[in-house]
């Protein structure tokens, strides 16, 4: 039996033919359409997606989960959508959400100064 991890070109061609022969006819039709010679059953897998993180090295879902854990108040669906939108915007470093964050911090300071919080 040929070594699958490191086949020679003859072994690779034989292995390719064996794989093709064992395929379902519908899958073979797809391979025939792209061309048997163009088909590479031995191609390397794609690299995993680059996970985007914020300045604290958290993903948007991690930020949202932490936020929900720390703010135990029950809110509606719109509240959750807004929090998710902000988390995604911050992780993507979108200017709009930097402005939202800065405004909210500024407004919170005003509320504290005037004794509303």
N, C-alpha and C. Protein backbone atom coordinates (compact mmCIF):
# COMPACT_ATOMS: atom_id res chain seq x y z
N UNK A 1 0.84 -1.19 0.00
CA UNK A 1 0.00 0.00 0.00
C UNK A 1 0.88 1.25 0.00
N UNK A 2 0.57 2.24 -0.85
CA UNK A 2 1.39 3.45 -0.90
C UNK A 2 1.24 4.29 0.36
N UNK A 3 2.33 5.00 0.67
CA UNK A 3 2.32 5.89 1.83
C UNK A 3 1.56 7.16 1.45
N UNK A 4 0.40 7.39 2.06
CA UNK A 4 -0.47 8.51 1.71
C UNK A 4 0.17 9.84 2.08
N UNK A 5 0.96 9.87 3.14
CA UNK A 5 1.55 11.13 3.60
C UNK A 5 2.61 11.66 2.65
N UNK A 6 3.31 10.79 1.93
CA UNK A 6 4.41 11.21 1.08
C UNK A 6 4.47 10.37 -0.19
N UNK A 7 3.44 10.40 -1.03
CA UNK A 7 3.45 9.54 -2.21
C UNK A 7 4.33 10.09 -3.34
N UNK A 8 4.88 9.17 -4.13
CA UNK A 8 5.62 9.59 -5.33
C UNK A 8 4.59 9.99 -6.37
N UNK A 9 5.04 10.53 -7.51
CA UNK A 9 4.08 11.01 -8.51
C UNK A 9 3.27 9.86 -9.10
N UNK A 10 3.87 8.66 -9.30
CA UNK A 10 3.11 7.51 -9.80
C UNK A 10 2.10 7.03 -8.76
N UNK A 11 2.55 6.98 -7.51
CA UNK A 11 1.64 6.56 -6.44
C UNK A 11 0.51 7.57 -6.27
N UNK A 12 0.86 8.84 -6.40
CA UNK A 12 -0.14 9.90 -6.25
C UNK A 12 -1.18 9.81 -7.37
N UNK A 13 -0.74 9.53 -8.59
CA UNK A 13 -1.67 9.39 -9.72
C UNK A 13 -2.58 8.19 -9.51
N UNK A 14 -2.02 7.08 -9.02
CA UNK A 14 -2.83 5.89 -8.76
C UNK A 14 -3.82 6.15 -7.63
N UNK A 15 -3.37 6.84 -6.60
CA UNK A 15 -4.24 7.17 -5.48
C UNK A 15 -5.35 8.12 -5.92
N UNK A 16 -5.01 9.08 -6.78
CA UNK A 16 -6.00 10.02 -7.30
C UNK A 16 -7.07 9.27 -8.09
N UNK A 17 -6.65 8.33 -8.92
CA UNK A 17 -7.59 7.53 -9.72
C UNK A 17 -8.48 6.69 -8.81
N UNK A 18 -7.88 6.10 -7.76
CA UNK A 18 -8.66 5.27 -6.83
C UNK A 18 -9.70 6.11 -6.10
N UNK A 19 -9.31 7.32 -5.68
CA UNK A 19 -10.26 8.21 -5.01
C UNK A 19 -11.39 8.58 -5.96
N UNK A 20 -11.04 8.91 -7.20
CA UNK A 20 -12.04 9.30 -8.20
C UNK A 20 -13.02 8.15 -8.46
N UNK A 21 -12.48 6.94 -8.59
CA UNK A 21 -13.34 5.77 -8.88
C UNK A 21 -14.32 5.46 -7.75
N UNK A 22 -13.94 5.81 -6.51
CA UNK A 22 -14.81 5.52 -5.35
C UNK A 22 -15.84 6.61 -5.09
N UNK A 23 -15.73 7.72 -5.80
CA UNK A 23 -16.65 8.84 -5.57
C UNK A 23 -18.05 8.54 -6.08
N UNK A 24 -19.00 9.21 -5.46
CA UNK A 24 -20.39 9.16 -5.90
C UNK A 24 -20.48 9.77 -7.29
N UNK A 25 -21.32 9.25 -8.18
CA UNK A 25 -21.40 9.79 -9.56
C UNK A 25 -21.67 11.29 -9.63
N UNK A 26 -22.44 11.79 -8.70
CA UNK A 26 -22.73 13.23 -8.71
C UNK A 26 -21.46 14.05 -8.44
N UNK A 27 -20.63 13.57 -7.52
CA UNK A 27 -19.37 14.25 -7.22
C UNK A 27 -18.41 14.14 -8.41
N UNK A 28 -18.41 12.96 -9.06
CA UNK A 28 -17.58 12.79 -10.27
C UNK A 28 -17.97 13.78 -11.35
N UNK A 29 -19.27 14.03 -11.47
CA UNK A 29 -19.75 14.97 -12.48
C UNK A 29 -19.17 16.36 -12.23
N UNK A 30 -19.09 16.76 -10.96
CA UNK A 30 -18.50 18.04 -10.61
C UNK A 30 -17.02 18.08 -11.00
N UNK A 31 -16.31 17.00 -10.70
CA UNK A 31 -14.88 16.93 -11.03
C UNK A 31 -14.67 16.95 -12.53
N UNK A 32 -15.54 16.25 -13.27
CA UNK A 32 -15.44 16.26 -14.73
C UNK A 32 -15.66 17.67 -15.27
N UNK A 33 -16.54 18.42 -14.61
CA UNK A 33 -16.81 19.78 -15.08
C UNK A 33 -15.60 20.69 -14.87
N UNK A 34 -14.90 20.56 -13.73
CA UNK A 34 -13.72 21.40 -13.51
C UNK A 34 -12.49 20.82 -14.21
N UNK A 35 -12.55 19.55 -14.56
CA UNK A 35 -11.44 18.89 -15.24
C UNK A 35 -10.66 17.99 -14.28
N UNK A 36 -10.53 16.74 -14.66
CA UNK A 36 -9.84 15.76 -13.81
C UNK A 36 -8.42 16.21 -13.51
N UNK A 37 -7.74 16.77 -14.52
CA UNK A 37 -6.35 17.20 -14.32
C UNK A 37 -6.25 18.40 -13.37
N UNK A 38 -7.28 19.25 -13.33
CA UNK A 38 -7.29 20.41 -12.44
C UNK A 38 -7.65 20.05 -11.00
N UNK A 39 -8.31 18.91 -10.84
CA UNK A 39 -8.78 18.48 -9.53
C UNK A 39 -7.60 18.01 -8.69
N UNK A 40 -7.51 18.50 -7.46
CA UNK A 40 -6.43 18.10 -6.56
C UNK A 40 -7.02 17.57 -5.26
N UNK A 41 -7.13 16.25 -5.12
CA UNK A 41 -7.69 15.70 -3.88
C UNK A 41 -6.71 15.78 -2.71
N UNK A 42 -5.48 16.20 -2.97
CA UNK A 42 -4.44 16.25 -1.94
C UNK A 42 -4.11 17.67 -1.51
N UNK A 43 -4.96 18.63 -1.87
CA UNK A 43 -4.64 20.02 -1.54
C UNK A 43 -4.64 20.25 -0.04
N UNK A 44 -3.80 21.17 0.38
CA UNK A 44 -3.66 21.51 1.79
C UNK A 44 -4.93 22.22 2.26
N UNK A 45 -5.33 22.02 3.51
CA UNK A 45 -6.51 22.74 4.02
C UNK A 45 -6.20 24.23 4.16
N UNK A 46 -7.25 25.03 4.08
CA UNK A 46 -7.10 26.47 4.24
C UNK A 46 -6.71 26.82 5.67
N UNK A 47 -6.00 27.93 5.82
CA UNK A 47 -5.66 28.41 7.16
C UNK A 47 -6.93 28.81 7.87
N UNK A 48 -6.97 28.69 9.18
CA UNK A 48 -8.17 29.12 9.91
C UNK A 48 -8.38 30.63 9.76
N UNK A 49 -9.61 31.03 9.93
CA UNK A 49 -9.92 32.46 9.85
C UNK A 49 -9.14 33.24 10.89
N UNK A 50 -8.76 34.42 10.49
CA UNK A 50 -8.09 35.32 11.42
C UNK A 50 -9.15 35.85 12.37
N UNK A 51 -9.03 35.51 13.64
CA UNK A 51 -10.00 35.97 14.61
C UNK A 51 -9.66 37.40 15.01
N UNK A 52 -10.62 38.27 14.85
CA UNK A 52 -10.40 39.67 15.20
C UNK A 52 -10.65 39.87 16.68
N UNK A 53 -9.76 40.62 17.29
CA UNK A 53 -9.87 40.90 18.72
C UNK A 53 -9.73 42.40 18.96
N UNK A 54 -10.16 42.82 20.13
CA UNK A 54 -10.04 44.23 20.51
C UNK A 54 -8.71 44.46 21.21
N UNK A 55 -8.56 45.60 21.83
CA UNK A 55 -7.30 45.95 22.51
C UNK A 55 -7.00 45.01 23.68
N UNK A 56 -8.04 44.38 24.24
CA UNK A 56 -7.84 43.47 25.37
C UNK A 56 -7.70 42.02 24.93
N UNK A 57 -7.58 41.80 23.63
CA UNK A 57 -7.44 40.46 23.03
C UNK A 57 -8.69 39.61 23.16
N UNK A 58 -9.85 40.23 23.20
CA UNK A 58 -11.12 39.50 23.26
C UNK A 58 -11.84 39.62 21.93
N UNK A 59 -12.52 38.55 21.54
CA UNK A 59 -13.36 38.60 20.34
C UNK A 59 -14.67 39.29 20.70
N UNK A 60 -15.46 39.61 19.68
CA UNK A 60 -16.75 40.28 19.92
C UNK A 60 -17.65 39.39 20.77
N UNK A 61 -17.66 38.09 20.51
CA UNK A 61 -18.53 37.21 21.30
C UNK A 61 -18.05 37.12 22.76
N UNK A 62 -16.74 37.16 22.98
CA UNK A 62 -16.23 37.15 24.35
C UNK A 62 -16.60 38.45 25.07
N UNK A 63 -16.50 39.57 24.38
CA UNK A 63 -16.89 40.85 24.97
C UNK A 63 -18.37 40.84 25.36
N UNK A 64 -19.20 40.36 24.44
CA UNK A 64 -20.63 40.34 24.70
C UNK A 64 -20.98 39.40 25.86
N UNK A 65 -20.34 38.25 25.91
CA UNK A 65 -20.59 37.31 27.00
C UNK A 65 -20.19 37.91 28.35
N UNK A 66 -19.05 38.58 28.40
CA UNK A 66 -18.62 39.23 29.64
C UNK A 66 -19.59 40.33 30.04
N UNK A 67 -20.00 41.12 29.07
CA UNK A 67 -20.94 42.20 29.32
C UNK A 67 -22.25 41.66 29.90
N UNK A 68 -22.76 40.59 29.30
CA UNK A 68 -24.02 40.02 29.76
C UNK A 68 -23.89 39.41 31.16
N UNK A 69 -22.74 38.82 31.45
CA UNK A 69 -22.51 38.25 32.79
C UNK A 69 -22.45 39.34 33.85
N UNK A 70 -21.76 40.44 33.53
CA UNK A 70 -21.55 41.50 34.52
C UNK A 70 -22.74 42.41 34.67
N UNK A 71 -23.59 42.53 33.68
CA UNK A 71 -24.81 43.33 33.78
C UNK A 71 -25.98 42.36 33.84
N UNK A 72 -26.35 41.99 35.03
CA UNK A 72 -27.35 40.94 35.21
C UNK A 72 -28.78 41.41 34.99
N UNK A 73 -28.98 42.65 34.59
CA UNK A 73 -30.33 43.16 34.34
C UNK A 73 -30.91 42.48 33.10
N UNK A 74 -32.21 42.25 33.14
CA UNK A 74 -32.89 41.64 32.00
C UNK A 74 -33.34 42.75 31.06
N UNK A 75 -32.92 42.65 29.80
CA UNK A 75 -33.27 43.66 28.80
C UNK A 75 -33.87 42.97 27.59
N UNK A 76 -34.46 43.76 26.73
CA UNK A 76 -35.10 43.23 25.54
C UNK A 76 -34.12 42.90 24.42
N UNK A 77 -34.70 42.43 23.33
CA UNK A 77 -33.91 42.01 22.18
C UNK A 77 -33.13 43.17 21.55
N UNK A 78 -33.75 44.35 21.51
CA UNK A 78 -33.08 45.52 20.92
C UNK A 78 -31.83 45.90 21.71
N UNK A 79 -31.90 45.77 23.01
CA UNK A 79 -30.75 46.06 23.87
C UNK A 79 -29.60 45.11 23.51
N UNK A 80 -29.91 43.83 23.38
CA UNK A 80 -28.90 42.84 23.01
C UNK A 80 -28.32 43.08 21.63
N UNK A 81 -29.19 43.47 20.68
CA UNK A 81 -28.71 43.78 19.33
C UNK A 81 -27.75 44.96 19.35
N UNK A 82 -28.09 45.97 20.15
CA UNK A 82 -27.23 47.15 20.26
C UNK A 82 -25.88 46.81 20.86
N UNK A 83 -25.89 45.97 21.90
CA UNK A 83 -24.64 45.56 22.54
C UNK A 83 -23.79 44.76 21.56
N UNK A 84 -24.42 43.85 20.81
CA UNK A 84 -23.68 43.05 19.83
C UNK A 84 -23.10 43.94 18.74
N UNK A 85 -23.89 44.88 18.25
CA UNK A 85 -23.43 45.80 17.21
C UNK A 85 -22.21 46.59 17.69
N UNK A 86 -22.26 47.06 18.92
CA UNK A 86 -21.13 47.81 19.48
C UNK A 86 -19.90 46.92 19.63
N UNK A 87 -20.09 45.71 20.10
CA UNK A 87 -18.96 44.79 20.27
C UNK A 87 -18.29 44.51 18.93
N UNK A 88 -19.10 44.25 17.90
CA UNK A 88 -18.53 44.00 16.57
C UNK A 88 -17.82 45.23 16.03
N UNK A 89 -18.42 46.40 16.22
CA UNK A 89 -17.82 47.64 15.74
C UNK A 89 -16.50 47.95 16.43
N UNK A 90 -16.43 47.68 17.72
CA UNK A 90 -15.19 47.93 18.47
C UNK A 90 -14.09 46.98 18.02
N UNK A 91 -14.45 45.70 17.84
CA UNK A 91 -13.46 44.71 17.41
C UNK A 91 -12.96 45.03 15.99
N UNK A 92 -13.86 45.52 15.14
CA UNK A 92 -13.46 45.88 13.77
C UNK A 92 -12.78 47.24 13.70
N UNK A 93 -12.72 47.92 14.84
CA UNK A 93 -12.11 49.24 14.95
C UNK A 93 -12.77 50.26 14.01
N UNK A 94 -14.10 50.24 13.99
CA UNK A 94 -14.85 51.18 13.17
C UNK A 94 -14.97 52.51 13.90
N UNK A 95 -14.73 53.57 13.19
CA UNK A 95 -14.72 54.92 13.76
C UNK A 95 -16.05 55.29 14.40
N UNK A 96 -17.15 54.83 13.81
CA UNK A 96 -18.49 55.13 14.34
C UNK A 96 -18.61 54.69 15.80
N UNK A 97 -18.11 53.50 16.12
CA UNK A 97 -18.28 52.97 17.47
C UNK A 97 -17.30 53.58 18.45
N UNK A 98 -16.19 54.08 17.97
CA UNK A 98 -15.27 54.85 18.81
C UNK A 98 -15.99 56.13 19.26
N UNK A 99 -16.70 56.75 18.33
CA UNK A 99 -17.48 57.94 18.66
C UNK A 99 -18.61 57.63 19.65
N UNK A 100 -19.30 56.52 19.44
CA UNK A 100 -20.37 56.13 20.36
C UNK A 100 -19.81 55.91 21.75
N UNK A 101 -18.69 55.20 21.84
CA UNK A 101 -18.07 54.91 23.13
C UNK A 101 -17.63 56.20 23.82
N UNK A 102 -16.96 57.08 23.09
CA UNK A 102 -16.50 58.34 23.68
C UNK A 102 -17.67 59.18 24.17
N UNK A 103 -18.75 59.23 23.38
CA UNK A 103 -19.92 60.00 23.79
C UNK A 103 -20.53 59.41 25.06
N UNK A 104 -20.68 58.09 25.11
CA UNK A 104 -21.28 57.45 26.29
C UNK A 104 -20.44 57.69 27.55
N UNK A 105 -19.13 57.63 27.41
CA UNK A 105 -18.27 57.90 28.57
C UNK A 105 -18.42 59.35 29.03
N UNK A 106 -18.44 60.28 28.07
CA UNK A 106 -18.61 61.70 28.38
C UNK A 106 -19.94 61.94 29.08
N UNK A 107 -21.01 61.34 28.54
CA UNK A 107 -22.34 61.52 29.10
C UNK A 107 -22.44 60.92 30.50
N UNK A 108 -21.80 59.80 30.71
CA UNK A 108 -21.80 59.17 32.03
C UNK A 108 -21.11 60.07 33.07
N UNK A 109 -20.02 60.72 32.66
CA UNK A 109 -19.33 61.65 33.57
C UNK A 109 -20.24 62.82 33.95
N UNK A 110 -21.01 63.33 32.98
CA UNK A 110 -21.95 64.42 33.25
C UNK A 110 -23.01 63.96 34.25
N UNK A 111 -23.56 62.78 34.02
CA UNK A 111 -24.58 62.25 34.94
C UNK A 111 -24.02 62.09 36.35
N UNK A 112 -22.78 61.63 36.46
CA UNK A 112 -22.16 61.47 37.77
C UNK A 112 -21.96 62.84 38.43
N UNK A 113 -21.48 63.81 37.67
CA UNK A 113 -21.19 65.14 38.19
C UNK A 113 -22.47 65.81 38.72
N UNK A 114 -23.58 65.58 38.01
CA UNK A 114 -24.83 66.21 38.40
C UNK A 114 -25.64 65.35 39.39
N UNK A 115 -25.09 64.21 39.80
CA UNK A 115 -25.74 63.38 40.81
C UNK A 115 -26.89 62.52 40.31
N UNK A 116 -26.96 62.24 39.04
CA UNK A 116 -28.03 61.41 38.49
C UNK A 116 -27.69 59.91 38.52
N UNK A 117 -26.45 59.61 38.75
CA UNK A 117 -26.02 58.19 38.77
C UNK A 117 -25.59 57.81 40.17
